Amino acid sequence: MARLVEASSRLSSMYNRLCGEMLDAAVASVPVSDLAAADPLRYEVTTQFYMTPGSEQLRSRASRLIGAYGQLRDSYGNDPAWTAARTEHGLALREFEAAVRKIVHRDHI
């Protein structure tokens, strides 16, 4: 269970950081052409999460969190879609973290 919690924490932190960087860029009015490339470490973190025993219980929520990042990136500079993507990011993050906490409180995978 410790491995699952660690991998989940890394996944959540990675995608929240990536989303946070985009949110900060939007506040600073950074043009889409000047957005930094996404950290390629996200592929490693994602693979480690999906390879961790017990991650199958969190797969749909992890996919939603990862998808929320893609929605933010795709909607950058498009106000109506951006607002919806920001909302989705918050919901996906809280849902994923709640599912991890549920496993921790249950004290078994």
Protein backbone atom coordinates (compact mmCIF):
# COMPACT_ATOMS: atom_id res chain seq x y z
CA MET A 1 0.00 0.00 0.00
CA ALA A 2 2.90 2.36 0.72
CA ARG A 3 4.09 2.02 -2.89
CA LEU A 4 0.60 2.85 -4.18
CA VAL A 5 0.32 5.92 -1.97
CA GLU A 6 3.79 7.12 -3.01
CA ALA A 7 3.08 6.60 -6.72
CA SER A 8 -0.32 8.29 -6.35
CA SER A 9 1.22 11.25 -4.57
CA ARG A 10 3.84 11.65 -7.29
CA LEU A 11 1.18 11.48 -10.01
CA SER A 12 -1.08 13.99 -8.29
CA SER A 13 1.80 16.35 -7.55
CA MET A 14 3.16 16.16 -11.09
CA TYR A 15 -0.12 16.94 -12.81
CA ASN A 16 -1.10 19.57 -10.27
CA ARG A 17 2.27 21.28 -10.84
CA LEU A 18 1.81 21.16 -14.61
CA CYS A 19 -1.69 22.61 -14.32
CA GLY A 20 -0.48 25.19 -11.83
CA GLU A 21 2.21 26.35 -14.23
CA MET A 22 -0.44 26.88 -16.89
CA LEU A 23 -2.77 28.68 -14.49
CA ASP A 24 0.09 30.98 -13.48
CA ALA A 25 0.94 31.60 -17.14
CA ALA A 26 -2.68 32.56 -17.83
CA VAL A 27 -2.67 35.03 -14.94
CA ALA A 28 0.55 36.52 -16.30
CA SER A 29 -1.02 36.69 -19.81
CA VAL A 30 1.72 34.56 -21.34
CA PRO A 31 0.91 33.94 -25.02
CA VAL A 32 0.19 30.33 -25.93
CA SER A 33 3.25 30.33 -28.19
CA ASP A 34 5.44 31.08 -25.16
CA LEU A 35 4.14 28.30 -22.92
CA ALA A 36 6.91 26.07 -21.65
CA ALA A 37 6.99 22.54 -22.94
CA ALA A 38 5.43 20.06 -20.52
CA ASP A 39 7.88 18.22 -18.32
CA PRO A 40 8.66 14.86 -19.98
CA LEU A 41 9.03 13.37 -16.49
CA ARG A 42 5.22 13.09 -16.55
CA TYR A 43 5.54 9.97 -18.72
CA GLU A 44 7.79 8.27 -16.18
CA VAL A 45 5.58 9.25 -13.24
CA THR A 46 2.48 8.04 -15.07
CA THR A 47 4.09 4.72 -16.00
CA GLN A 48 5.27 4.16 -12.43
CA PHE A 49 1.76 4.85 -11.15
CA TYR A 50 0.07 2.44 -13.58
CA MET A 51 2.69 -0.26 -12.88
CA THR A 52 2.15 -0.06 -9.11
CA PRO A 53 0.07 -2.89 -7.63
CA GLY A 54 -3.38 -1.63 -6.66
CA SER A 55 -3.37 1.26 -9.13
CA GLU A 56 -6.17 -0.40 -11.08
CA GLN A 57 -8.55 0.80 -8.34
CA LEU A 58 -7.57 4.39 -9.18
CA ARG A 59 -7.18 4.06 -12.94
CA SER A 60 -10.30 5.98 -14.00
CA ARG A 61 -9.64 8.79 -11.55
CA ALA A 62 -5.98 9.01 -12.59
CA SER A 63 -7.03 9.15 -16.24
CA ARG A 64 -9.43 11.97 -15.42
CA LEU A 65 -6.65 13.91 -13.68
CA ILE A 66 -4.29 13.42 -16.61
CA GLY A 67 -7.07 14.38 -19.02
CA ALA A 68 -7.76 17.57 -17.06
CA TYR A 69 -4.20 18.68 -17.80
CA GLY A 70 -4.78 18.05 -21.50
CA GLN A 71 -8.01 20.03 -21.40
CA LEU A 72 -6.26 22.99 -19.78
CA ARG A 73 -3.47 22.89 -22.33
CA ASP A 74 -5.88 22.55 -25.27
CA SER A 75 -8.17 25.35 -24.08
CA TYR A 76 -5.45 27.86 -23.13
CA GLY A 77 -6.51 31.28 -24.40
CA ASN A 78 -10.11 30.22 -25.09
CA ASP A 79 -12.08 31.76 -22.21
CA PRO A 80 -15.24 29.58 -22.12
CA ALA A 81 -13.34 26.31 -22.58
CA TRP A 82 -10.59 27.50 -20.21
CA THR A 83 -13.09 28.14 -17.42
CA ALA A 84 -14.58 24.67 -17.86
CA ALA A 85 -11.10 23.09 -17.93
CA ARG A 86 -10.10 24.89 -14.72
CA THR A 87 -13.22 23.54 -13.03
CA GLU A 88 -12.51 20.03 -14.33
CA HIS A 89 -8.93 20.21 -13.04
CA GLY A 90 -10.10 21.02 -9.52
CA LEU A 91 -12.75 18.31 -9.53
CA ALA A 92 -10.43 15.67 -10.97
CA LEU A 93 -7.70 16.48 -8.46
CA ARG A 94 -10.03 16.32 -5.45
CA GLU A 95 -11.66 13.11 -6.69
CA PHE A 96 -8.32 11.38 -7.19
CA GLU A 97 -7.00 12.45 -3.81
CA ALA A 98 -10.23 11.37 -2.07
CA ALA A 99 -10.00 7.93 -3.69
CA VAL A 100 -6.40 7.54 -2.47
CA ARG A 101 -7.40 8.59 1.05
CA LYS A 102 -10.24 6.05 1.00
CA ILE A 103 -7.72 3.27 0.31
CA VAL A 104 -5.44 4.57 3.06
CA HIS A 105 -8.30 4.69 5.61
CA ARG A 106 -9.38 1.20 4.58
CA ASP A 107 -5.77 0.15 5.28
CA HIS A 108 -5.51 -2.32 2.42
CA ILE A 109 -5.52 -2.33 -1.36
